[in-house]
Amino acid sequence: MKIMKLKKTIGVLLLMLMVSCQSIDKNALEQQVRSDINEQFSKEASAYGISYTIKSFHLTHVSGNEYLGALNTVEDGEEFVYQVYVTYDGSSYFWQIVD
């Protein structure tokens, strides 16, 4: 009986370890999403001939694999704030600007 309980305990610990190894630090996710947004916005700004910079970008964990972000930009001298929705499944992420 003790061996079965020990096997279950070890199994649970290994599962927890595997799940924790697949997760990403919120700050790392924030940096990756910011980089992707910057790349996309820079292409669009270049196509329209406008200047563009990201002032700040911060993510807040909502629940499960969902995050909400606040993106502050300066575009041709005007400041803008965008809300960004991010989902992260442990290995990849998806972001979109929320209208």
PDB file of N, CA and C in Angstrom:
ATOM      1  N   MET A   1       0.820  -1.187   0.000  1.00  0.00           N
ATOM      2  CA  MET A   1       0.000   0.000   0.000  1.00  0.00           C
ATOM      3  C   MET A   1       0.873   1.264   0.000  1.00  0.00           C
ATOM      4  N   LYS A   2       1.953   1.244   0.776  1.00  0.00           N
ATOM      5  CA  LYS A   2       2.841   2.403   0.840  1.00  0.00           C
ATOM      6  C   LYS A   2       3.507   2.659  -0.513  1.00  0.00           C
ATOM      7  N   ILE A   3       3.839   1.606  -1.237  1.00  0.00           N
ATOM      8  CA  ILE A   3       4.490   1.746  -2.547  1.00  0.00           C
ATOM      9  C   ILE A   3       3.534   2.402  -3.532  1.00  0.00           C
ATOM     10  N   MET A   4       2.268   2.013  -3.534  1.00  0.00           N
ATOM     11  CA  MET A   4       1.275   2.619  -4.431  1.00  0.00           C
ATOM     12  C   MET A   4       1.107   4.102  -4.118  1.00  0.00           C
ATOM     13  N   LYS A   5       1.072   4.441  -2.833  1.00  0.00           N
ATOM     14  CA  LYS A   5       0.919   5.841  -2.436  1.00  0.00           C
ATOM     15  C   LYS A   5       2.153   6.638  -2.860  1.00  0.00           C
ATOM     16  N   LEU A   6       3.318   6.056  -2.709  1.00  0.00           N
ATOM     17  CA  LEU A   6       4.563   6.704  -3.110  1.00  0.00           C
ATOM     18  C   LEU A   6       4.593   6.920  -4.624  1.00  0.00           C
ATOM     19  N   LYS A   7       4.155   5.921  -5.399  1.00  0.00           N
ATOM     20  CA  LYS A   7       4.109   6.053  -6.846  1.00  0.00           C
ATOM     21  C   LYS A   7       3.160   7.175  -7.265  1.00  0.00           C
ATOM     22  N   LYS A   8       2.006   7.265  -6.610  1.00  0.00           N
ATOM     23  CA  LYS A   8       1.047   8.333  -6.918  1.00  0.00           C
ATOM     24  C   LYS A   8       1.654   9.694  -6.598  1.00  0.00           C
ATOM     25  N   THR A   9       2.318   9.803  -5.467  1.00  0.00           N
ATOM     26  CA  THR A   9       2.936  11.070  -5.063  1.00  0.00           C
ATOM     27  C   THR A   9       4.009  11.482  -6.065  1.00  0.00           C
ATOM     28  N   ILE A  10       4.846  10.534  -6.459  1.00  0.00           N
ATOM     29  CA  ILE A  10       5.889  10.832  -7.438  1.00  0.00           C
ATOM     30  C   ILE A  10       5.269  11.230  -8.772  1.00  0.00           C
ATOM     31  N   GLY A  11       4.207  10.527  -9.182  1.00  0.00           N
ATOM     32  CA  GLY A  11       3.508  10.864 -10.428  1.00  0.00           C
ATOM     33  C   GLY A  11       2.962  12.274 -10.405  1.00  0.00           C
ATOM     34  N   VAL A  12       2.342  12.663  -9.297  1.00  0.00           N
ATOM     35  CA  VAL A  12       1.790  14.015  -9.170  1.00  0.00           C
ATOM     36  C   VAL A  12       2.907  15.044  -9.215  1.00  0.00           C
ATOM     37  N   LEU A  13       4.013  14.787  -8.527  1.00  0.00           N
ATOM     38  CA  LEU A  13       5.138  15.726  -8.532  1.00  0.00           C
ATOM     39  C   LEU A  13       5.734  15.875  -9.930  1.00  0.00           C
ATOM     40  N   LEU A  14       5.864  14.777 -10.676  1.00  0.00           N
ATOM     41  CA  LEU A  14       6.387  14.856 -12.038  1.00  0.00           C
ATOM     42  C   LEU A  14       5.449  15.641 -12.943  1.00  0.00           C
ATOM     43  N   LEU A  15       4.151  15.429 -12.789  1.00  0.00           N
ATOM     44  CA  LEU A  15       3.174  16.182 -13.575  1.00  0.00           C
ATOM     45  C   LEU A  15       3.273  17.675 -13.273  1.00  0.00           C
ATOM     46  N   MET A  16       3.385  18.023 -12.008  1.00  0.00           N
ATOM     47  CA  MET A  16       3.517  19.437 -11.631  1.00  0.00           C
ATOM     48  C   MET A  16       4.796  20.026 -12.208  1.00  0.00           C
ATOM     49  N   LEU A  17       5.875  19.269 -12.196  1.00  0.00           N
ATOM     50  CA  LEU A  17       7.140  19.743 -12.741  1.00  0.00           C
ATOM     51  C   LEU A  17       7.041  19.964 -14.241  1.00  0.00           C
ATOM     52  N   MET A  18       6.400  19.034 -14.957  1.00  0.00           N
ATOM     53  CA  MET A  18       6.252  19.179 -16.402  1.00  0.00           C
ATOM     54  C   MET A  18       5.409  20.403 -16.744  1.00  0.00           C
ATOM     55  N   VAL A  19       4.348  20.631 -16.005  1.00  0.00           N
ATOM     56  CA  VAL A  19       3.490  21.790 -16.262  1.00  0.00           C
ATOM     57  C   VAL A  19       4.246  23.073 -15.976  1.00  0.00           C
ATOM     58  N   SER A  20       4.982  23.112 -14.880  1.00  0.00           N
ATOM     59  CA  SER A  20       5.707  24.336 -14.534  1.00  0.00           C
ATOM     60  C   SER A  20       6.832  24.616 -15.516  1.00  0.00           C
ATOM     61  N   CYS A  21       7.439  23.589 -16.094  1.00  0.00           N
ATOM     62  CA  CYS A  21       8.515  23.803 -17.065  1.00  0.00           C
ATOM     63  C   CYS A  21       7.977  24.351 -18.375  1.00  0.00           C
ATOM     64  N   GLN A  22       6.734  24.084 -18.682  1.00  0.00           N
ATOM     65  CA  GLN A  22       6.161  24.555 -19.932  1.00  0.00           C
ATOM     66  C   GLN A  22       5.680  25.995 -19.833  1.00  0.00           C
ATOM     67  N   SER A  23       5.488  26.484 -18.636  1.00  0.00           N
ATOM     68  CA  SER A  23       4.981  27.844 -18.513  1.00  0.00           C
ATOM     69  C   SER A  23       6.098  28.851 -18.733  1.00  0.00           C
ATOM     70  N   ILE A  24       5.694  30.046 -19.084  1.00  0.00           N
ATOM     71  CA  ILE A  24       6.649  31.113 -19.354  1.00  0.00           C
ATOM     72  C   ILE A  24       6.452  32.190 -18.293  1.00  0.00           C
ATOM     73  N   ASP A  25       7.510  32.812 -17.924  1.00  0.00           N
ATOM     74  CA  ASP A  25       7.441  33.929 -17.004  1.00  0.00           C
ATOM     75  C   ASP A  25       6.645  35.055 -17.652  1.00  0.00           C
ATOM     76  N   LYS A  26       5.784  35.714 -16.882  1.00  0.00           N
ATOM     77  CA  LYS A  26       4.948  36.791 -17.427  1.00  0.00           C
ATOM     78  C   LYS A  26       5.795  37.880 -18.061  1.00  0.00           C
ATOM     79  N   ASN A  27       6.916  38.204 -17.455  1.00  0.00           N
ATOM     80  CA  ASN A  27       7.786  39.248 -18.009  1.00  0.00           C
ATOM     81  C   ASN A  27       8.373  38.833 -19.352  1.00  0.00           C
ATOM     82  N   ALA A  28       8.729  37.551 -19.482  1.00  0.00           N
ATOM     83  CA  ALA A  28       9.264  37.058 -20.756  1.00  0.00           C
ATOM     84  C   ALA A  28       8.179  37.094 -21.830  1.00  0.00           C
ATOM     85  N   LEU A  29       6.956  36.693 -21.464  1.00  0.00           N
ATOM     86  CA  LEU A  29       5.838  36.746 -22.405  1.00  0.00           C
ATOM     87  C   LEU A  29       5.580  38.191 -22.821  1.00  0.00           C
ATOM     88  N   GLU A  30       5.619  39.088 -21.856  1.00  0.00           N
ATOM     89  CA  GLU A  30       5.423  40.513 -22.125  1.00  0.00           C
ATOM     90  C   GLU A  30       6.457  41.022 -23.136  1.00  0.00           C
ATOM     91  N   GLN A  31       7.709  40.632 -22.966  1.00  0.00           N
ATOM     92  CA  GLN A  31       8.769  41.074 -23.876  1.00  0.00           C
ATOM     93  C   GLN A  31       8.579  40.501 -25.279  1.00  0.00           C
ATOM     94  N   GLN A  32       8.181  39.226 -25.359  1.00  0.00           N
ATOM     95  CA  GLN A  32       7.976  38.606 -26.668  1.00  0.00           C
ATOM     96  C   GLN A  32       6.813  39.248 -27.413  1.00  0.00           C
ATOM     97  N   VAL A  33       5.712  39.475 -26.703  1.00  0.00           N
ATOM     98  CA  VAL A  33       4.541  40.101 -27.335  1.00  0.00           C
ATOM     99  C   VAL A  33       4.873  41.529 -27.740  1.00  0.00           C
ATOM    100  N   ARG A  34       5.567  42.255 -26.872  1.00  0.00           N
ATOM    101  CA  ARG A  34       5.961  43.633 -27.197  1.00  0.00           C
ATOM    102  C   ARG A  34       6.807  43.662 -28.471  1.00  0.00           C
ATOM    103  N   SER A  35       7.737  42.739 -28.581  1.00  0.00           N
ATOM    104  CA  SER A  35       8.595  42.665 -29.762  1.00  0.00           C
ATOM    105  C   SER A  35       7.765  42.393 -31.019  1.00  0.00           C
ATOM    106  N   ASP A  36       6.817  41.479 -30.934  1.00  0.00           N
ATOM    107  CA  ASP A  36       5.943  41.182 -32.077  1.00  0.00           C
ATOM    108  C   ASP A  36       5.095  42.389 -32.467  1.00  0.00           C
ATOM    109  N   ILE A  37       4.532  43.046 -31.464  1.00  0.00           N
ATOM    110  CA  ILE A  37       3.716  44.234 -31.731  1.00  0.00           C
ATOM    111  C   ILE A  37       4.569  45.314 -32.380  1.00  0.00           C
ATOM    112  N   ASN A  38       5.771  45.523 -31.839  1.00  0.00           N
ATOM    113  CA  ASN A  38       6.662  46.539 -32.392  1.00  0.00           C
ATOM    114  C   ASN A  38       6.992  46.245 -33.846  1.00  0.00           C
ATOM    115  N   GLU A  39       7.252  44.992 -34.158  1.00  0.00           N
ATOM    116  CA  GLU A  39       7.563  44.607 -35.529  1.00  0.00           C
ATOM    117  C   GLU A  39       6.374  44.897 -36.459  1.00  0.00           C
ATOM    118  N   GLN A  40       5.176  44.500 -36.036  1.00  0.00           N
ATOM    119  CA  GLN A  40       3.975  44.718 -36.851  1.00  0.00           C
ATOM    120  C   GLN A  40       3.673  46.205 -37.023  1.00  0.00           C
ATOM    121  N   PHE A  41       3.697  46.954 -35.908  1.00  0.00           N
ATOM    122  CA  PHE A  41       3.392  48.383 -35.971  1.00  0.00           C
ATOM    123  C   PHE A  41       4.449  49.138 -36.783  1.00  0.00           C
ATOM    124  N   SER A  42       5.704  48.742 -36.664  1.00  0.00           N
ATOM    125  CA  SER A  42       6.773  49.411 -37.419  1.00  0.00           C
ATOM    126  C   SER A  42       6.569  49.247 -38.916  1.00  0.00           C
ATOM    127  N   LYS A  43       6.165  48.042 -39.343  1.00  0.00           N
ATOM    128  CA  LYS A  43       5.881  47.810 -40.764  1.00  0.00           C
ATOM    129  C   LYS A  43       4.747  48.714 -41.236  1.00  0.00           C
ATOM    130  N   GLU A  44       3.681  48.786 -40.458  1.00  0.00           N
ATOM    131  CA  GLU A  44       2.538  49.614 -40.842  1.00  0.00           C
ATOM    132  C   GLU A  44       2.903  51.097 -40.833  1.00  0.00           C
ATOM    133  N   ALA A  45       3.654  51.531 -39.831  1.00  0.00           N
ATOM    134  CA  ALA A  45       4.062  52.936 -39.756  1.00  0.00           C
ATOM    135  C   ALA A  45       4.941  53.295 -40.950  1.00  0.00           C
ATOM    136  N   SER A  46       5.839  52.405 -41.307  1.00  0.00           N
ATOM    137  CA  SER A  46       6.717  52.632 -42.461  1.00  0.00           C
ATOM    138  C   SER A  46       5.902  52.718 -43.749  1.00  0.00           C
ATOM    139  N   ALA A  47       4.914  51.851 -43.882  1.00  0.00           N
ATOM    140  CA  ALA A  47       4.074  51.851 -45.087  1.00  0.00           C
ATOM    141  C   ALA A  47       3.293  53.155 -45.226  1.00  0.00           C
ATOM    142  N   TYR A  48       2.908  53.747 -44.085  1.00  0.00           N
ATOM    143  CA  TYR A  48       2.137  55.000 -44.121  1.00  0.00           C
ATOM    144  C   TYR A  48       3.009  56.240 -43.945  1.00  0.00           C
ATOM    145  N   GLY A  49       4.318  56.037 -43.771  1.00  0.00           N
ATOM    146  CA  GLY A  49       5.236  57.165 -43.647  1.00  0.00           C
ATOM    147  C   GLY A  49       5.085  57.956 -42.356  1.00  0.00           C
ATOM    148  N   ILE A  50       4.767  57.267 -41.248  1.00  0.00           N
ATOM    149  CA  ILE A  50       4.633  57.959 -39.973  1.00  0.00           C
ATOM    150  C   ILE A  50       5.672  57.438 -38.986  1.00  0.00           C
ATOM    151  N   SER A  51       5.953  58.250 -37.969  1.00  0.00           N
ATOM    152  CA  SER A  51       6.875  57.812 -36.917  1.00  0.00           C
ATOM    153  C   SER A  51       6.078  57.064 -35.851  1.00  0.00           C
ATOM    154  N   TYR A  52       6.747  56.138 -35.205  1.00  0.00           N
ATOM    155  CA  TYR A  52       6.059  55.281 -34.247  1.00  0.00           C
ATOM    156  C   TYR A  52       7.040  54.785 -33.197  1.00  0.00           C
ATOM    157  N   THR A  53       6.663  54.856 -31.922  1.00  0.00           N
ATOM    158  CA  THR A  53       7.446  54.261 -30.838  1.00  0.00           C
ATOM    159  C   THR A  53       6.501  53.710 -29.779  1.00  0.00           C
ATOM    160  N   ILE A  54       6.943  52.652 -29.121  1.00  0.00           N
ATOM    161  CA  ILE A  54       6.206  52.120 -27.973  1.00  0.00           C
ATOM    162  C   ILE A  54       6.763  52.797 -26.723  1.00  0.00           C
ATOM    163  N   LYS A  55       5.897  53.460 -25.986  1.00  0.00           N
ATOM    164  CA  LYS A  55       6.311  54.059 -24.708  1.00  0.00           C
ATOM    165  C   LYS A  55       6.347  53.005 -23.615  1.00  0.00           C
ATOM    166  N   SER A  56       5.295  52.169 -23.575  1.00  0.00           N
ATOM    167  CA  SER A  56       5.245  51.114 -22.563  1.00  0.00           C
ATOM    168  C   SER A  56       4.266  50.028 -22.977  1.00  0.00           C
ATOM    169  N   PHE A  57       4.480  48.849 -22.408  1.00  0.00           N
ATOM    170  CA  PHE A  57       3.573  47.727 -22.615  1.00  0.00           C
ATOM    171  C   PHE A  57       3.635  46.845 -21.374  1.00  0.00           C
ATOM    172  N   HIS A  58       2.470  46.579 -20.785  1.00  0.00           N
ATOM    173  CA  HIS A  58       2.395  45.766 -19.572  1.00  0.00           C
ATOM    174  C   HIS A  58       1.249  44.780 -19.679  1.00  0.00           C
ATOM    175  N   LEU A  59       1.516  43.551 -19.266  1.00  0.00           N
ATOM    176  CA  LEU A  59       0.494  42.508 -19.259  1.00  0.00           C
ATOM    177  C   LEU A  59       0.013  42.249 -17.840  1.00  0.00           C
ATOM    178  N   THR A  60      -1.264  41.915 -17.730  1.00  0.00           N
ATOM    179  CA  THR A  60      -1.852  41.487 -16.470  1.00  0.00           C
ATOM    180  C   THR A  60      -2.508  40.132 -16.708  1.00  0.00           C
ATOM    181  N   HIS A  61      -2.186  39.168 -15.853  1.00  0.00           N
ATOM    182  CA  HIS A  61      -2.785  37.837 -15.966  1.00  0.00           C
ATOM    183  C   HIS A  61      -4.244  37.918 -15.525  1.00  0.00           C
ATOM    184  N   VAL A  62      -5.155  37.498 -16.392  1.00  0.00           N
ATOM    185  CA  VAL A  62      -6.587  37.544 -16.088  1.00  0.00           C
ATOM    186  C   VAL A  62      -7.003  36.228 -15.439  1.00  0.00           C
ATOM    187  N   SER A  63      -6.852  35.132 -16.164  1.00  0.00           N
ATOM    188  CA  SER A  63      -7.133  33.796 -15.636  1.00  0.00           C
ATOM    189  C   SER A  63      -6.685  32.755 -16.650  1.00  0.00           C
ATOM    190  N   GLY A  64      -6.365  31.580 -16.158  1.00  0.00           N
ATOM    191  CA  GLY A  64      -5.951  30.502 -17.053  1.00  0.00           C
ATOM    192  C   GLY A  64      -4.829  30.935 -17.976  1.00  0.00           C
ATOM    193  N   ASN A  65      -5.101  30.910 -19.271  1.00  0.00           N
ATOM    194  CA  ASN A  65      -4.083  31.297 -20.254  1.00  0.00           C
ATOM    195  C   ASN A  65      -4.370  32.657 -20.887  1.00  0.00           C
ATOM    196  N   GLU A  66      -5.173  33.470 -20.214  1.00  0.00           N
ATOM    197  CA  GLU A  66      -5.568  34.776 -20.748  1.00  0.00           C
ATOM    198  C   GLU A  66      -4.872  35.923 -20.022  1.00  0.00           C
ATOM    199  N   TYR A  67      -4.437  36.892 -20.842  1.00  0.00           N
ATOM    200  CA  TYR A  67      -3.781  38.095 -20.335  1.00  0.00           C
ATOM    201  C   TYR A  67      -4.381  39.308 -21.031  1.00  0.00           C
ATOM    202  N   LEU A  68      -4.390  40.442 -20.330  1.00  0.00           N
ATOM    203  CA  LEU A  68      -4.756  41.715 -20.943  1.00  0.00           C
ATOM    204  C   LEU A  68      -3.568  42.643 -20.818  1.00  0.00           C
ATOM    205  N   GLY A  69      -3.313  43.390 -21.881  1.00  0.00           N
ATOM    206  CA  GLY A  69      -2.184  44.293 -21.887  1.00  0.00           C
ATOM    207  C   GLY A  69      -2.604  45.722 -22.158  1.00  0.00           C
ATOM    208  N   ALA A  70      -1.787  46.651 -21.676  1.00  0.00           N
ATOM    209  CA  ALA A  70      -1.956  48.071 -21.967  1.00  0.00           C
ATOM    210  C   ALA A  70      -0.730  48.507 -22.772  1.00  0.00           C
ATOM    211  N   LEU A  71      -0.984  48.958 -23.999  1.00  0.00           N
ATOM    212  CA  LEU A  71       0.082  49.389 -24.902  1.00  0.00           C
ATOM    213  C   LEU A  71      -0.026  50.895 -25.091  1.00  0.00           C
ATOM    214  N   ASN A  72       1.028  51.617 -24.728  1.00  0.00           N
ATOM    215  CA  ASN A  72       1.081  53.069 -24.904  1.00  0.00           C
ATOM    216  C   ASN A  72       2.085  53.377 -26.004  1.00  0.00           C
ATOM    217  N   THR A  73       1.619  54.112 -27.023  1.00  0.00           N
ATOM    218  CA  THR A  73       2.468  54.440 -28.163  1.00  0.00           C
ATOM    219  C   THR A  73       2.474  55.942 -28.422  1.00  0.00           C
ATOM    220  N   VAL A  74       3.457  56.368 -29.205  1.00  0.00           N
ATOM    221  CA  VAL A  74       3.493  57.724 -29.753  1.00  0.00           C
ATOM    222  C   VAL A  74       3.576  57.558 -31.259  1.00  0.00           C
ATOM    223  N   GLU A  75       2.575  58.097 -31.954  1.00  0.00           N
ATOM    224  CA  GLU A  75       2.492  57.979 -33.405  1.00  0.00           C
ATOM    225  C   GLU A  75       2.373  59.376 -34.000  1.00  0.00           C
ATOM    226  N   ASP A  76       3.407  59.763 -34.728  1.00  0.00           N
ATOM    227  CA  ASP A  76       3.483  61.115 -35.299  1.00  0.00           C
ATOM    228  C   ASP A  76       3.210  62.198 -34.257  1.00  0.00           C
ATOM    229  N   GLY A  77       3.798  62.013 -33.076  1.00  0.00           N
ATOM    230  CA  GLY A  77       3.694  63.013 -32.020  1.00  0.00           C
ATOM    231  C   GLY A  77       2.451  62.904 -31.151  1.00  0.00           C
ATOM    232  N   GLU A  78       1.508  62.051 -31.490  1.00  0.00           N
ATOM    233  CA  GLU A  78       0.295  61.871 -30.692  1.00  0.00           C
ATOM    234  C   GLU A  78       0.383  60.590 -29.882  1.00  0.00           C
ATOM    235  N   GLU A  79      -0.091  60.663 -28.634  1.00  0.00           N
ATOM    236  CA  GLU A  79      -0.074  59.488 -27.773  1.00  0.00           C
ATOM    237  C   GLU A  79      -1.360  58.684 -27.932  1.00  0.00           C
ATOM    238  N   PHE A  80      -1.217  57.370 -27.952  1.00  0.00           N
ATOM    239  CA  PHE A  80      -2.355  56.459 -28.058  1.00  0.00           C
ATOM    240  C   PHE A  80      -2.214  55.359 -27.023  1.00  0.00           C
ATOM    241  N   VAL A  81      -3.356  54.853 -26.556  1.00  0.00           N
ATOM    242  CA  VAL A  81      -3.387  53.723 -25.631  1.00  0.00           C
ATOM    243  C   VAL A  81      -4.257  52.641 -26.256  1.00  0.00           C
ATOM    244  N   TYR A  82      -3.714  51.430 -26.325  1.00  0.00           N
ATOM    245  CA  TYR A  82      -4.438  50.295 -26.878  1.00  0.00           C
ATOM    246  C   TYR A  82      -4.563  49.214 -25.815  1.00  0.00           C
ATOM    247  N   GLN A  83      -5.659  48.493 -25.867  1.00  0.00           N
ATOM    248  CA  GLN A  83      -5.822  47.312 -25.027  1.00  0.00           C
ATOM    249  C   GLN A  83      -5.471  46.100 -25.893  1.00  0.00           C
ATOM    250  N   VAL A  84      -4.658  45.198 -25.344  1.00  0.00           N
ATOM    251  CA  VAL A  84      -4.187  44.033 -26.088  1.00  0.00           C
ATOM    252  C   VAL A  84      -4.630  42.766 -25.357  1.00  0.00           C
ATOM    253  N   TYR A  85      -5.265  41.865 -26.102  1.00  0.00           N
ATOM    254  CA  TYR A  85      -5.688  40.573 -25.557  1.00  0.00           C
ATOM    255  C   TYR A  85      -4.659  39.525 -25.967  1.00  0.00           C
ATOM    256  N   VAL A  86      -4.173  38.736 -25.000  1.00  0.00           N
ATOM    257  CA  VAL A  86      -3.147  37.726 -25.257  1.00  0.00           C
ATOM    258  C   VAL A  86      -3.602  36.392 -24.678  1.00  0.00           C
ATOM    259  N   THR A  87      -3.455  35.334 -25.464  1.00  0.00           N
ATOM    260  CA  THR A  87      -3.630  33.980 -24.938  1.00  0.00           C
ATOM    261  C   THR A  87      -2.311  33.245 -25.119  1.00  0.00           C
ATOM    262  N   TYR A  88      -1.982  32.429 -24.132  1.00  0.00           N
ATOM    263  CA  TYR A  88      -0.732  31.669 -24.144  1.00  0.00           C
ATOM    264  C   TYR A  88      -1.029  30.243 -23.707  1.00  0.00           C
ATOM    265  N   ASP A  89      -0.702  29.256 -24.543  1.00  0.00           N
ATOM    266  CA  ASP A  89      -1.058  27.867 -24.250  1.00  0.00           C
ATOM    267  C   ASP A  89       0.092  27.035 -23.678  1.00  0.00           C
ATOM    268  N   GLY A  90       1.163  27.670 -23.310  1.00  0.00           N
ATOM    269  CA  GLY A  90       2.307  26.951 -22.761  1.00  0.00           C
ATOM    270  C   GLY A  90       3.462  26.835 -23.735  1.00  0.00           C
ATOM    271  N   SER A  91       3.174  26.951 -25.035  1.00  0.00           N
ATOM    272  CA  SER A  91       4.255  26.888 -26.020  1.00  0.00           C
ATOM    273  C   SER A  91       4.146  27.982 -27.075  1.00  0.00           C
ATOM    274  N   SER A  92       2.957  28.505 -27.300  1.00  0.00           N
ATOM    275  CA  SER A  92       2.794  29.580 -28.275  1.00  0.00           C
ATOM    276  C   SER A  92       1.759  30.581 -27.757  1.00  0.00           C
ATOM    277  N   TYR A  93       1.764  31.742 -28.362  1.00  0.00           N
ATOM    278  CA  TYR A  93       0.824  32.771 -27.931  1.00  0.00           C
ATOM    279  C   TYR A  93       0.188  33.447 -29.132  1.00  0.00           C
ATOM    280  N   PHE A  94      -0.917  34.127 -28.857  1.00  0.00           N
ATOM    281  CA  PHE A  94      -1.659  34.879 -29.861  1.00  0.00           C
ATOM    282  C   PHE A  94      -2.003  36.215 -29.217  1.00  0.00           C
ATOM    283  N   TRP A  95      -1.829  37.295 -29.964  1.00  0.00           N
ATOM    284  CA  TRP A  95      -2.224  38.614 -29.441  1.00  0.00           C
ATOM    285  C   TRP A  95      -3.073  39.328 -30.466  1.00  0.00           C
ATOM    286  N   GLN A  96      -3.941  40.211 -29.965  1.00  0.00           N
ATOM    287  CA  GLN A  96      -4.712  41.070 -30.857  1.00  0.00           C
ATOM    288  C   GLN A  96      -5.070  42.350 -30.114  1.00  0.00           C
ATOM    289  N   ILE A  97      -5.141  43.430 -30.883  1.00  0.00           N
ATOM    290  CA  ILE A  97      -5.586  44.713 -30.356  1.00  0.00           C
ATOM    291  C   ILE A  97      -7.100  44.649 -30.195  1.00  0.00           C
ATOM    292  N   VAL A  98      -7.589  45.047 -29.035  1.00  0.00           N
ATOM    293  CA  VAL A  98      -9.022  45.023 -28.753  1.00  0.00           C
ATOM    294  C   VAL A  98      -9.601  46.379 -29.108  1.00  0.00           C
ATOM    295  N   ASP A  99     -10.672  46.371 -29.885  1.00  0.00           N
ATOM    296  CA  ASP A  99     -11.336  47.639 -30.270  1.00  0.00           C
ATOM    297  C   ASP A  99     -12.118  48.208 -29.111  1.00  0.00           C
TER     298      ASP A  99
END
